[in-house]
Amino acid sequence: MCIQTDLIAHHKGLASYLVAAMEKHIVIGASGQLGIELIIGMQARYGVNAVVACDIIKSNDKDVNKSEFISLDATDINSVRKILKTGEFTHVYHLVAMLSAKGEENPIAGWDLNMKSLLNVLECAKEGFVKRVFWPSSIAVFGPNAPKIKTSQDTFCDPTTVYGVSKVAGELWAKYYFEHYGVDVRSVRYPGLIGHRSKPGGGTTDYAVEAFYCALDSKPFVCYLDKDEALPMMHMDDAVRATLDIMEAPCENIKTRTSYNLSGCSFSPSELNYELSKFVSNFITEYNPDYRQKIAASWPDSIDDSEAKNDWGWESEFSTSKLVKHMLDGLKSIV
């Protein structure tokens, strides 16, 4: 019986390996902050040759560039269709977006980029060119009427930014394409993402990354948020792991077809200052709130991600203190 069980387990493991070996992953928006981290995480899990990076401009990260790069304007449906049709990709990760703060400077451009590029990918998936799509949503879907503490999965979404509006619309499109066309779209609502491989790209939560650079340069940090404005945050390692885990989960486990809440840790600028000062003596944060404070104030302080935990086994690994140490170590290794 034990030998038979072992053989069954061996054959299942071999079958899983062969399936994984046949998969080919493309990341659209690979040169951005999340894209760089995701490509490297995928290379480690699936191999360099199983991953293709795709963006308008090629990243200068030497690790990312170990994988093939394809130049693409994701708003051009014909270009997207050609690449996905001829590339024989099984999984597409569509990360193209104009983030919250930058989007408020040009709302129409933000809406056009975020929506057109997503719909192009969904149409190609509907046409059968890929079998699975990942698209990231955000805590920006929540607005001032959401509960601030442990915001639940089914909280009403009333975003105050074009970025948040586009994310709510994108979640509904993902659900629509799944229900009407059987497109296997999977999504998580990222908190503020913090990583050391690239500089911020225009998000409201990017203040936290800027603080690390100031700390290492022994410069005072001028924060554009109030000192006590707590926001949900997540280390990039957690974000990458969550992304790959949800894409690997059995289809029947994915019960939310809009986007899953995802939680890491939550902290305010003053709490970040306190943690940084443990490692960088005399680190000082000055507070000069601007229009981004209003955006941050409309978002939750913390997130309830129990559905992601129950459905596909999500669990965060980074506390605030662990995140701070990991970020400092990472930045020191590249400067």
C-alpha atoms as a PDB file:
ATOM      1  CA  MET A   1       0.000   0.000   0.000  1.00  0.00           C
ATOM      2  CA  CYS A   2       2.822   2.398   0.925  1.00  0.00           C
ATOM      3  CA  ILE A   3       4.685   1.563  -2.292  1.00  0.00           C
ATOM      4  CA  GLN A   4       1.523   2.141  -4.340  1.00  0.00           C
ATOM      5  CA  THR A   5       0.874   5.451  -2.561  1.00  0.00           C
ATOM      6  CA  ASP A   6       4.452   6.536  -3.162  1.00  0.00           C
ATOM      7  CA  LEU A   7       4.153   5.672  -6.863  1.00  0.00           C
ATOM      8  CA  ILE A   8       0.932   7.652  -7.179  1.00  0.00           C
ATOM      9  CA  ALA A   9       2.544  10.606  -5.441  1.00  0.00           C
ATOM     10  CA  HIS A  10       5.606  10.259  -7.695  1.00  0.00           C
ATOM     11  CA  HIS A  11       3.484  10.253 -10.868  1.00  0.00           C
ATOM     12  CA  LYS A  12       1.450  13.224  -9.664  1.00  0.00           C
ATOM     13  CA  GLY A  13       4.650  15.104  -8.907  1.00  0.00           C
ATOM     14  CA  LEU A  14       6.060  14.220 -12.306  1.00  0.00           C
ATOM     15  CA  ALA A  15       2.845  15.311 -14.013  1.00  0.00           C
ATOM     16  CA  SER A  16       2.927  18.640 -12.165  1.00  0.00           C
ATOM     17  CA  TYR A  17       6.554  19.117 -13.182  1.00  0.00           C
ATOM     18  CA  LEU A  18       5.786  18.396 -16.841  1.00  0.00           C
ATOM     19  CA  VAL A  19       2.850  20.803 -16.823  1.00  0.00           C
ATOM     20  CA  ALA A  20       5.013  23.525 -15.266  1.00  0.00           C
ATOM     21  CA  ALA A  21       7.752  22.837 -17.824  1.00  0.00           C
ATOM     22  CA  MET A  22       5.263  23.430 -20.644  1.00  0.00           C
ATOM     23  CA  GLU A  23       4.078  26.763 -19.256  1.00  0.00           C
ATOM     24  CA  LYS A  24       5.333  30.056 -20.628  1.00  0.00           C
ATOM     25  CA  HIS A  25       4.810  33.330 -18.775  1.00  0.00           C
ATOM     26  CA  ILE A  26       4.780  36.882 -20.140  1.00  0.00           C
ATOM     27  CA  VAL A  27       4.806  39.993 -17.959  1.00  0.00           C
ATOM     28  CA  ILE A  28       3.398  43.107 -19.643  1.00  0.00           C
ATOM     29  CA  GLY A  29       4.656  46.175 -17.827  1.00  0.00           C
ATOM     30  CA  ALA A  30       7.810  44.331 -16.790  1.00  0.00           C
ATOM     31  CA  SER A  31      10.003  47.423 -16.402  1.00  0.00           C
ATOM     32  CA  GLY A  32       7.960  48.946 -13.591  1.00  0.00           C
ATOM     33  CA  GLN A  33       8.501  48.621  -9.855  1.00  0.00           C
ATOM     34  CA  LEU A  34       6.358  45.485  -9.479  1.00  0.00           C
ATOM     35  CA  GLY A  35       7.298  44.061 -12.871  1.00  0.00           C
ATOM     36  CA  ILE A  36      11.006  43.937 -12.074  1.00  0.00           C
ATOM     37  CA  GLU A  37      10.405  42.108  -8.793  1.00  0.00           C
ATOM     38  CA  LEU A  38       7.880  39.724 -10.363  1.00  0.00           C
ATOM     39  CA  ILE A  39      10.156  38.784 -13.260  1.00  0.00           C
ATOM     40  CA  ILE A  40      12.985  37.910 -10.855  1.00  0.00           C
ATOM     41  CA  GLY A  41      10.637  35.905  -8.632  1.00  0.00           C
ATOM     42  CA  MET A  42       9.307  34.016 -11.641  1.00  0.00           C
ATOM     43  CA  GLN A  43      12.805  33.287 -12.921  1.00  0.00           C
ATOM     44  CA  ALA A  44      13.628  31.690  -9.575  1.00  0.00           C
ATOM     45  CA  ARG A  45      10.457  29.607  -9.559  1.00  0.00           C
ATOM     46  CA  TYR A  46      10.025  28.695 -13.236  1.00  0.00           C
ATOM     47  CA  GLY A  47      13.387  29.325 -14.866  1.00  0.00           C
ATOM     48  CA  VAL A  48      14.791  32.162 -16.965  1.00  0.00           C
ATOM     49  CA  ASN A  49      13.613  30.722 -20.274  1.00  0.00           C
ATOM     50  CA  ALA A  50      10.010  30.290 -19.096  1.00  0.00           C
ATOM     51  CA  VAL A  51       9.592  34.037 -18.544  1.00  0.00           C
ATOM     52  CA  VAL A  52       9.377  36.873 -21.080  1.00  0.00           C
ATOM     53  CA  ALA A  53       9.531  40.560 -20.135  1.00  0.00           C
ATOM     54  CA  CYS A  54       7.428  42.991 -22.107  1.00  0.00           C
ATOM     55  CA  ASP A  55       7.223  46.804 -21.963  1.00  0.00           C
ATOM     56  CA  ILE A  56       7.725  49.928 -24.051  1.00  0.00           C
ATOM     57  CA  ILE A  57      11.185  50.492 -22.572  1.00  0.00           C
ATOM     58  CA  LYS A  58      13.569  47.735 -21.540  1.00  0.00           C
ATOM     59  CA  SER A  59      14.605  47.601 -17.895  1.00  0.00           C
ATOM     60  CA  ASN A  60      18.249  48.187 -17.039  1.00  0.00           C
ATOM     61  CA  ASP A  61      18.116  45.520 -14.316  1.00  0.00           C
ATOM     62  CA  LYS A  62      20.695  42.872 -15.215  1.00  0.00           C
ATOM     63  CA  ASP A  63      18.710  40.068 -13.591  1.00  0.00           C
ATOM     64  CA  VAL A  64      15.499  40.939 -15.418  1.00  0.00           C
ATOM     65  CA  ASN A  65      17.421  41.037 -18.694  1.00  0.00           C
ATOM     66  CA  LYS A  66      18.427  37.404 -18.337  1.00  0.00           C
ATOM     67  CA  SER A  67      14.989  36.687 -19.779  1.00  0.00           C
ATOM     68  CA  GLU A  68      13.860  37.563 -23.292  1.00  0.00           C
ATOM     69  CA  PHE A  69      12.521  41.095 -23.772  1.00  0.00           C
ATOM     70  CA  ILE A  70       9.805  42.152 -26.231  1.00  0.00           C
ATOM     71  CA  SER A  71       8.943  45.796 -26.858  1.00  0.00           C
ATOM     72  CA  LEU A  72       5.185  46.457 -26.744  1.00  0.00           C
ATOM     73  CA  ASP A  73       2.688  49.295 -26.548  1.00  0.00           C
ATOM     74  CA  ALA A  74      -0.078  47.602 -24.549  1.00  0.00           C
ATOM     75  CA  THR A  75      -2.688  50.112 -25.776  1.00  0.00           C
ATOM     76  CA  ASP A  76      -2.271  48.799 -29.352  1.00  0.00           C
ATOM     77  CA  ILE A  77      -4.608  45.821 -29.680  1.00  0.00           C
ATOM     78  CA  ASN A  78      -2.997  44.569 -32.884  1.00  0.00           C
ATOM     79  CA  SER A  79       0.453  44.494 -31.282  1.00  0.00           C
ATOM     80  CA  VAL A  80      -0.860  42.757 -28.159  1.00  0.00           C
ATOM     81  CA  ARG A  81      -2.711  40.192 -30.265  1.00  0.00           C
ATOM     82  CA  LYS A  82       0.330  39.480 -32.434  1.00  0.00           C
ATOM     83  CA  ILE A  83       2.625  38.874 -29.467  1.00  0.00           C
ATOM     84  CA  LEU A  84       0.190  36.719 -27.499  1.00  0.00           C
ATOM     85  CA  LYS A  85      -0.900  34.780 -30.586  1.00  0.00           C
ATOM     86  CA  THR A  86       2.595  33.952 -31.844  1.00  0.00           C
ATOM     87  CA  GLY A  87       4.382  33.603 -28.498  1.00  0.00           C
ATOM     88  CA  GLU A  88       2.494  30.511 -27.309  1.00  0.00           C
ATOM     89  CA  PHE A  89       2.158  31.935 -23.807  1.00  0.00           C
ATOM     90  CA  THR A  90       0.067  30.148 -21.203  1.00  0.00           C
ATOM     91  CA  HIS A  91       0.078  32.876 -18.523  1.00  0.00           C
ATOM     92  CA  VAL A  92      -0.018  36.649 -18.926  1.00  0.00           C
ATOM     93  CA  TYR A  93       0.586  39.078 -16.074  1.00  0.00           C
ATOM     94  CA  HIS A  94      -0.763  42.479 -17.072  1.00  0.00           C
ATOM     95  CA  LEU A  95       0.771  45.156 -14.825  1.00  0.00           C
ATOM     96  CA  VAL A  96       0.455  48.277 -17.005  1.00  0.00           C
ATOM     97  CA  ALA A  97      -1.050  51.186 -15.054  1.00  0.00           C
ATOM     98  CA  MET A  98      -0.744  54.859 -14.251  1.00  0.00           C
ATOM     99  CA  LEU A  99      -0.671  55.021 -10.445  1.00  0.00           C
ATOM    100  CA  SER A 100      -2.750  57.143  -8.077  1.00  0.00           C
ATOM    101  CA  ALA A 101      -0.767  60.355  -7.617  1.00  0.00           C
ATOM    102  CA  LYS A 102       0.390  60.531 -11.235  1.00  0.00           C
ATOM    103  CA  GLY A 103      -3.098  59.690 -12.460  1.00  0.00           C
ATOM    104  CA  GLU A 104      -4.569  62.694 -10.667  1.00  0.00           C
ATOM    105  CA  GLU A 105      -2.280  64.937 -12.690  1.00  0.00           C
ATOM    106  CA  ASN A 106      -3.814  63.637 -15.938  1.00  0.00           C
ATOM    107  CA  PRO A 107      -7.030  61.700 -15.242  1.00  0.00           C
ATOM    108  CA  ILE A 108      -8.070  61.053 -18.853  1.00  0.00           C
ATOM    109  CA  ALA A 109      -4.638  59.712 -19.793  1.00  0.00           C
ATOM    110  CA  GLY A 110      -4.685  57.531 -16.670  1.00  0.00           C
ATOM    111  CA  TRP A 111      -8.100  56.119 -17.491  1.00  0.00           C
ATOM    112  CA  ASP A 112      -7.195  55.468 -21.134  1.00  0.00           C
ATOM    113  CA  LEU A 113      -3.949  53.661 -20.301  1.00  0.00           C
ATOM    114  CA  ASN A 114      -5.392  51.565 -17.479  1.00  0.00           C
ATOM    115  CA  MET A 115      -8.593  50.524 -19.256  1.00  0.00           C
ATOM    116  CA  LYS A 116      -7.507  50.167 -22.867  1.00  0.00           C
ATOM    117  CA  SER A 117      -4.485  48.008 -22.058  1.00  0.00           C
ATOM    118  CA  LEU A 118      -6.524  45.714 -19.783  1.00  0.00           C
ATOM    119  CA  LEU A 119      -9.335  45.237 -22.292  1.00  0.00           C
ATOM    120  CA  ASN A 120      -6.800  44.442 -25.014  1.00  0.00           C
ATOM    121  CA  VAL A 121      -5.402  41.607 -22.917  1.00  0.00           C
ATOM    122  CA  LEU A 122      -8.846  40.317 -21.941  1.00  0.00           C
ATOM    123  CA  GLU A 123      -9.941  40.269 -25.576  1.00  0.00           C
ATOM    124  CA  CYS A 124      -6.878  38.243 -26.528  1.00  0.00           C
ATOM    125  CA  ALA A 125      -7.553  35.814 -23.686  1.00  0.00           C
ATOM    126  CA  LYS A 126     -11.150  35.518 -24.859  1.00  0.00           C
ATOM    127  CA  GLU A 127      -9.804  34.636 -28.311  1.00  0.00           C
ATOM    128  CA  GLY A 128      -7.864  31.782 -26.707  1.00  0.00           C
ATOM    129  CA  PHE A 129      -4.288  33.037 -26.980  1.00  0.00           C
ATOM    130  CA  VAL A 130      -3.533  32.517 -23.246  1.00  0.00           C
ATOM    131  CA  LYS A 131      -5.117  30.257 -20.669  1.00  0.00           C
ATOM    132  CA  ARG A 132      -4.751  32.404 -17.533  1.00  0.00           C
ATOM    133  CA  VAL A 133      -4.538  36.151 -16.812  1.00  0.00           C
ATOM    134  CA  PHE A 134      -3.267  37.999 -13.756  1.00  0.00           C
ATOM    135  CA  TRP A 135      -4.267  41.623 -13.305  1.00  0.00           C
ATOM    136  CA  PRO A 136      -3.536  43.621 -10.126  1.00  0.00           C
ATOM    137  CA  SER A 137      -6.109  45.702  -8.341  1.00  0.00           C
ATOM    138  CA  SER A 138      -5.420  47.932  -5.333  1.00  0.00           C
ATOM    139  CA  ILE A 139      -6.660  49.219  -1.990  1.00  0.00           C
ATOM    140  CA  ALA A 140      -7.376  52.373  -4.022  1.00  0.00           C
ATOM    141  CA  VAL A 141     -10.775  50.815  -4.846  1.00  0.00           C
ATOM    142  CA  PHE A 142     -11.895  51.791  -1.344  1.00  0.00           C
ATOM    143  CA  GLY A 143     -13.082  55.292  -0.560  1.00  0.00           C
ATOM    144  CA  PRO A 144     -14.055  57.465   2.412  1.00  0.00           C
ATOM    145  CA  ASN A 145     -17.151  55.393   3.247  1.00  0.00           C
ATOM    146  CA  ALA A 146     -15.192  52.160   3.739  1.00  0.00           C
ATOM    147  CA  PRO A 147     -14.460  51.043   7.311  1.00  0.00           C
ATOM    148  CA  LYS A 148     -10.931  52.157   8.171  1.00  0.00           C
ATOM    149  CA  ILE A 149      -9.991  49.108  10.235  1.00  0.00           C
ATOM    150  CA  LYS A 150      -9.909  45.579   8.769  1.00  0.00           C
ATOM    151  CA  THR A 151     -11.734  46.608   5.599  1.00  0.00           C
ATOM    152  CA  SER A 152     -13.583  43.520   4.382  1.00  0.00           C
ATOM    153  CA  GLN A 153     -13.627  41.884   0.969  1.00  0.00           C
ATOM    154  CA  ASP A 154     -17.169  42.946   0.114  1.00  0.00           C
ATOM    155  CA  THR A 155     -16.937  46.578   1.317  1.00  0.00           C
ATOM    156  CA  PHE A 156     -18.652  49.066  -0.998  1.00  0.00           C
ATOM    157  CA  CYS A 157     -16.148  50.731  -3.315  1.00  0.00           C
ATOM    158  CA  ASP A 158     -16.365  54.514  -3.743  1.00  0.00           C
ATOM    159  CA  PRO A 159     -12.844  55.535  -4.828  1.00  0.00           C
ATOM    160  CA  THR A 160     -11.798  59.174  -4.995  1.00  0.00           C
ATOM    161  CA  THR A 161      -9.056  58.863  -7.650  1.00  0.00           C
ATOM    162  CA  VAL A 162      -9.114  57.943 -11.341  1.00  0.00           C
ATOM    163  CA  TYR A 163      -6.686  55.142 -10.462  1.00  0.00           C
ATOM    164  CA  GLY A 164      -9.179  53.724  -7.972  1.00  0.00           C
ATOM    165  CA  VAL A 165     -12.083  54.166 -10.407  1.00  0.00           C
ATOM    166  CA  SER A 166     -10.139  52.301 -13.090  1.00  0.00           C
ATOM    167  CA  LYS A 167      -9.371  49.497 -10.641  1.00  0.00           C
ATOM    168  CA  VAL A 168     -13.038  49.071  -9.691  1.00  0.00           C
ATOM    169  CA  ALA A 169     -13.949  49.005 -13.379  1.00  0.00           C
ATOM    170  CA  GLY A 170     -11.147  46.531 -14.069  1.00  0.00           C
ATOM    171  CA  GLU A 171     -12.359  44.203 -11.326  1.00  0.00           C
ATOM    172  CA  LEU A 172     -15.841  44.190 -12.856  1.00  0.00           C
ATOM    173  CA  TRP A 173     -14.433  43.561 -16.337  1.00  0.00           C
ATOM    174  CA  ALA A 174     -12.411  40.630 -14.966  1.00  0.00           C
ATOM    175  CA  LYS A 175     -15.562  39.128 -13.461  1.00  0.00           C
ATOM    176  CA  TYR A 176     -17.507  39.809 -16.664  1.00  0.00           C
ATOM    177  CA  TYR A 177     -14.972  38.064 -18.901  1.00  0.00           C
ATOM    178  CA  PHE A 178     -14.862  35.091 -16.545  1.00  0.00           C
ATOM    179  CA  GLU A 179     -18.637  34.716 -16.336  1.00  0.00           C
ATOM    180  CA  HIS A 180     -19.430  35.414 -20.007  1.00  0.00           C
ATOM    181  CA  TYR A 181     -16.417  33.994 -21.822  1.00  0.00           C
ATOM    182  CA  GLY A 182     -14.729  31.659 -19.332  1.00  0.00           C
ATOM    183  CA  VAL A 183     -11.537  33.719 -19.205  1.00  0.00           C
ATOM    184  CA  ASP A 184      -9.584  32.634 -16.111  1.00  0.00           C
ATOM    185  CA  VAL A 185      -8.695  36.078 -14.714  1.00  0.00           C
ATOM    186  CA  ARG A 186      -7.170  36.255 -11.228  1.00  0.00           C
ATOM    187  CA  SER A 187      -6.495  39.354  -9.167  1.00  0.00           C
ATOM    188  CA  VAL A 188      -5.416  40.687  -5.801  1.00  0.00           C
ATOM    189  CA  ARG A 189      -5.819  44.134  -4.263  1.00  0.00           C
ATOM    190  CA  TYR A 190      -2.275  45.151  -3.430  1.00  0.00           C
ATOM    191  CA  PRO A 191      -1.545  47.450  -0.511  1.00  0.00           C
ATOM    192  CA  GLY A 192       1.366  49.904  -0.867  1.00  0.00           C
ATOM    193  CA  LEU A 193       4.291  47.894  -2.258  1.00  0.00           C
ATOM    194  CA  ILE A 194       7.828  48.387  -0.967  1.00  0.00           C
ATOM    195  CA  GLY A 195      10.912  47.000  -2.709  1.00  0.00           C
ATOM    196  CA  HIS A 196      14.534  47.973  -3.209  1.00  0.00           C
ATOM    197  CA  ARG A 197      15.184  47.159  -6.880  1.00  0.00           C
ATOM    198  CA  SER A 198      13.564  50.238  -8.425  1.00  0.00           C
ATOM    199  CA  LYS A 199      12.481  53.706  -7.401  1.00  0.00           C
ATOM    200  CA  PRO A 200       8.835  54.699  -6.875  1.00  0.00           C
ATOM    201  CA  GLY A 201       6.545  55.170  -9.852  1.00  0.00           C
ATOM    202  CA  GLY A 202       3.979  57.753  -8.757  1.00  0.00           C
ATOM    203  CA  GLY A 203       1.854  56.037  -6.108  1.00  0.00           C
ATOM    204  CA  THR A 204       0.571  57.678  -2.935  1.00  0.00           C
ATOM    205  CA  THR A 205       2.198  55.018  -0.738  1.00  0.00           C
ATOM    206  CA  ASP A 206       5.591  55.591  -2.384  1.00  0.00           C
ATOM    207  CA  TYR A 207       6.571  57.957   0.433  1.00  0.00           C
ATOM    208  CA  ALA A 208       7.750  54.891   2.328  1.00  0.00           C
ATOM    209  CA  VAL A 209      10.318  53.932  -0.314  1.00  0.00           C
ATOM    210  CA  GLU A 210      11.573  57.528  -0.502  1.00  0.00           C
ATOM    211  CA  ALA A 211      12.120  57.466   3.268  1.00  0.00           C
ATOM    212  CA  PHE A 212      14.579  54.578   2.955  1.00  0.00           C
ATOM    213  CA  TYR A 213      16.691  56.399   0.374  1.00  0.00           C
ATOM    214  CA  CYS A 214      16.837  59.486   2.589  1.00  0.00           C
ATOM    215  CA  ALA A 215      17.805  57.396   5.600  1.00  0.00           C
ATOM    216  CA  LEU A 216      20.726  55.786   3.778  1.00  0.00           C
ATOM    217  CA  ASP A 217      21.859  59.179   2.438  1.00  0.00           C
ATOM    218  CA  SER A 218      21.692  60.661   5.968  1.00  0.00           C
ATOM    219  CA  LYS A 219      19.213  63.272   4.765  1.00  0.00           C
ATOM    220  CA  PRO A 220      16.058  64.447   6.524  1.00  0.00           C
ATOM    221  CA  PHE A 221      12.954  63.074   4.869  1.00  0.00           C
ATOM    222  CA  VAL A 222      10.087  65.425   3.958  1.00  0.00           C
ATOM    223  CA  CYS A 223       6.876  63.393   3.988  1.00  0.00           C
ATOM    224  CA  TYR A 224       3.809  64.483   2.017  1.00  0.00           C
ATOM    225  CA  LEU A 225       1.437  62.647   4.407  1.00  0.00           C
ATOM    226  CA  ASP A 226       0.371  63.395   7.974  1.00  0.00           C
ATOM    227  CA  LYS A 227       2.547  61.683  10.546  1.00  0.00           C
ATOM    228  CA  ASP A 228      -0.289  59.491  11.834  1.00  0.00           C
ATOM    229  CA  GLU A 229      -1.804  58.490   8.463  1.00  0.00           C
ATOM    230  CA  ALA A 230      -1.595  54.700   8.691  1.00  0.00           C
ATOM    231  CA  LEU A 231      -1.790  52.731   5.439  1.00  0.00           C
ATOM    232  CA  PRO A 232      -1.616  49.024   4.531  1.00  0.00           C
ATOM    233  CA  MET A 233       1.824  48.126   3.160  1.00  0.00           C
ATOM    234  CA  MET A 234       3.542  45.020   1.814  1.00  0.00           C
ATOM    235  CA  HIS A 235       7.099  43.958   1.040  1.00  0.00           C
ATOM    236  CA  MET A 236       7.659  43.013  -2.603  1.00  0.00           C
ATOM    237  CA  ASP A 237       8.667  39.466  -1.660  1.00  0.00           C
ATOM    238  CA  ASP A 238       5.221  38.936  -0.153  1.00  0.00           C
ATOM    239  CA  ALA A 239       3.554  40.530  -3.183  1.00  0.00           C
ATOM    240  CA  VAL A 240       5.423  38.314  -5.643  1.00  0.00           C
ATOM    241  CA  ARG A 241       4.688  35.176  -3.644  1.00  0.00           C
ATOM    242  CA  ALA A 242       0.993  36.048  -3.445  1.00  0.00           C
ATOM    243  CA  THR A 243       0.868  36.668  -7.191  1.00  0.00           C
ATOM    244  CA  LEU A 244       2.467  33.361  -8.109  1.00  0.00           C
ATOM    245  CA  ASP A 245       0.511  31.409  -5.505  1.00  0.00           C
ATOM    246  CA  ILE A 246      -2.869  32.656  -6.711  1.00  0.00           C
ATOM    247  CA  MET A 247      -1.906  31.885 -10.311  1.00  0.00           C
ATOM    248  CA  GLU A 248      -0.931  28.336  -9.324  1.00  0.00           C
ATOM    249  CA  ALA A 249      -4.062  27.663  -7.248  1.00  0.00           C
ATOM    250  CA  PRO A 250      -6.611  25.186  -8.649  1.00  0.00           C
ATOM    251  CA  CYS A 251      -9.387  26.937 -10.557  1.00  0.00           C
ATOM    252  CA  GLU A 252     -12.062  25.706  -8.145  1.00  0.00           C
ATOM    253  CA  ASN A 253     -10.282  27.460  -5.264  1.00  0.00           C
ATOM    254  CA  ILE A 254     -10.648  30.903  -6.855  1.00  0.00           C
ATOM    255  CA  LYS A 255     -14.060  31.917  -5.589  1.00  0.00           C
ATOM    256  CA  THR A 256     -13.673  35.694  -5.856  1.00  0.00           C
ATOM    257  CA  ARG A 257     -13.597  36.769  -9.490  1.00  0.00           C
ATOM    258  CA  THR A 258     -13.282  40.499  -8.923  1.00  0.00           C
ATOM    259  CA  SER A 259     -10.145  40.786  -6.765  1.00  0.00           C
ATOM    260  CA  TYR A 260      -8.969  39.397  -3.431  1.00  0.00           C
ATOM    261  CA  ASN A 261      -8.095  41.635  -0.489  1.00  0.00           C
ATOM    262  CA  LEU A 262      -4.436  41.219   0.423  1.00  0.00           C
ATOM    263  CA  SER A 263      -2.803  42.312   3.664  1.00  0.00           C
ATOM    264  CA  GLY A 264       0.811  42.630   4.774  1.00  0.00           C
ATOM    265  CA  CYS A 265       1.485  45.105   7.567  1.00  0.00           C
ATOM    266  CA  SER A 266       0.187  48.605   8.331  1.00  0.00           C
ATOM    267  CA  PHE A 267       2.120  51.628   9.582  1.00  0.00           C
ATOM    268  CA  SER A 268       2.073  55.420   9.604  1.00  0.00           C
ATOM    269  CA  PRO A 269       4.943  57.739   8.588  1.00  0.00           C
ATOM    270  CA  SER A 270       5.785  58.353  12.240  1.00  0.00           C
ATOM    271  CA  GLU A 271       5.892  54.610  12.931  1.00  0.00           C
ATOM    272  CA  LEU A 272       8.157  54.137   9.913  1.00  0.00           C
ATOM    273  CA  ASN A 273      10.406  56.922  11.235  1.00  0.00           C
ATOM    274  CA  TYR A 274      10.614  55.098  14.586  1.00  0.00           C
ATOM    275  CA  GLU A 275      11.587  51.787  12.963  1.00  0.00           C
ATOM    276  CA  LEU A 276      14.153  53.432  10.684  1.00  0.00           C
ATOM    277  CA  SER A 277      15.740  55.288  13.599  1.00  0.00           C
ATOM    278  CA  LYS A 278      16.592  51.920  15.167  1.00  0.00           C
ATOM    279  CA  PHE A 279      19.017  51.313  12.304  1.00  0.00           C
ATOM    280  CA  VAL A 280      19.899  54.842  11.182  1.00  0.00           C
ATOM    281  CA  SER A 281      20.795  57.132  14.072  1.00  0.00           C
ATOM    282  CA  ASN A 282      19.404  60.668  14.011  1.00  0.00           C
ATOM    283  CA  PHE A 283      17.027  59.897  11.147  1.00  0.00           C
ATOM    284  CA  ILE A 284      14.418  62.675  11.020  1.00  0.00           C
ATOM    285  CA  THR A 285      11.121  62.939   9.163  1.00  0.00           C
ATOM    286  CA  GLU A 286       9.526  66.317   8.536  1.00  0.00           C
ATOM    287  CA  TYR A 287       5.851  66.504   7.629  1.00  0.00           C
ATOM    288  CA  ASN A 288       4.482  68.701   4.859  1.00  0.00           C
ATOM    289  CA  PRO A 289       1.179  67.167   3.679  1.00  0.00           C
ATOM    290  CA  ASP A 290       0.041  67.937   0.122  1.00  0.00           C
ATOM    291  CA  TYR A 291      -2.810  66.742  -2.138  1.00  0.00           C
ATOM    292  CA  ARG A 292      -1.716  63.123  -1.627  1.00  0.00           C
ATOM    293  CA  GLN A 293      -2.763  63.294   2.020  1.00  0.00           C
ATOM    294  CA  LYS A 294      -6.386  63.587   0.937  1.00  0.00           C
ATOM    295  CA  ILE A 295      -5.983  60.477  -1.213  1.00  0.00           C
ATOM    296  CA  ALA A 296      -4.373  58.526   1.630  1.00  0.00           C
ATOM    297  CA  ALA A 297      -7.062  59.622   4.103  1.00  0.00           C
ATOM    298  CA  SER A 298      -9.730  58.002   1.917  1.00  0.00           C
ATOM    299  CA  TRP A 299      -8.027  54.590   2.067  1.00  0.00           C
ATOM    300  CA  PRO A 300      -8.210  51.942   4.828  1.00  0.00           C
ATOM    301  CA  ASP A 301      -5.769  51.733   7.728  1.00  0.00           C
ATOM    302  CA  SER A 302      -5.772  47.932   7.583  1.00  0.00           C
ATOM    303  CA  ILE A 303      -7.228  45.157   5.417  1.00  0.00           C
ATOM    304  CA  ASP A 304      -9.128  41.931   6.153  1.00  0.00           C
ATOM    305  CA  ASP A 305      -7.746  39.281   3.793  1.00  0.00           C
ATOM    306  CA  SER A 306      -9.423  36.239   5.346  1.00  0.00           C
ATOM    307  CA  GLU A 307     -10.965  35.138   2.024  1.00  0.00           C
ATOM    308  CA  ALA A 308      -7.549  34.895   0.363  1.00  0.00           C
ATOM    309  CA  LYS A 309      -6.324  32.897   3.360  1.00  0.00           C
ATOM    310  CA  ASN A 310      -9.305  30.545   3.249  1.00  0.00           C
ATOM    311  CA  ASP A 311      -9.492  30.059  -0.533  1.00  0.00           C
ATOM    312  CA  TRP A 312      -5.865  29.655  -1.590  1.00  0.00           C
ATOM    313  CA  GLY A 313      -3.783  29.683   1.587  1.00  0.00           C
ATOM    314  CA  TRP A 314      -2.370  33.199   1.572  1.00  0.00           C
ATOM    315  CA  GLU A 315      -0.256  34.244   4.568  1.00  0.00           C
ATOM    316  CA  SER A 316       1.983  37.297   4.877  1.00  0.00           C
ATOM    317  CA  GLU A 317       5.568  36.823   6.120  1.00  0.00           C
ATOM    318  CA  PHE A 318       6.721  40.421   6.699  1.00  0.00           C
ATOM    319  CA  SER A 319       6.011  42.455   9.830  1.00  0.00           C
ATOM    320  CA  THR A 320       6.869  46.172   9.817  1.00  0.00           C
ATOM    321  CA  SER A 321      10.192  45.639  11.592  1.00  0.00           C
ATOM    322  CA  LYS A 322      11.177  42.767   9.284  1.00  0.00           C
ATOM    323  CA  LEU A 323      10.222  44.840   6.236  1.00  0.00           C
ATOM    324  CA  VAL A 324      12.382  47.773   7.376  1.00  0.00           C
ATOM    325  CA  LYS A 325      15.443  45.594   8.006  1.00  0.00           C
ATOM    326  CA  HIS A 326      15.021  43.738   4.718  1.00  0.00           C
ATOM    327  CA  MET A 327      14.678  46.982   2.760  1.00  0.00           C
ATOM    328  CA  LEU A 328      17.767  48.540   4.330  1.00  0.00           C
ATOM    329  CA  ASP A 329      19.833  45.417   3.683  1.00  0.00           C
ATOM    330  CA  GLY A 330      18.603  45.298   0.090  1.00  0.00           C
ATOM    331  CA  LEU A 331      19.354  48.950  -0.618  1.00  0.00           C
ATOM    332  CA  LYS A 332      22.812  48.714   0.946  1.00  0.00           C
ATOM    333  CA  SER A 333      23.621  45.839  -1.412  1.00  0.00           C
ATOM    334  CA  ILE A 334      22.963  47.911  -4.534  1.00  0.00           C
ATOM    335  CA  VAL A 335      24.257  51.382  -3.622  1.00  0.00           C
END
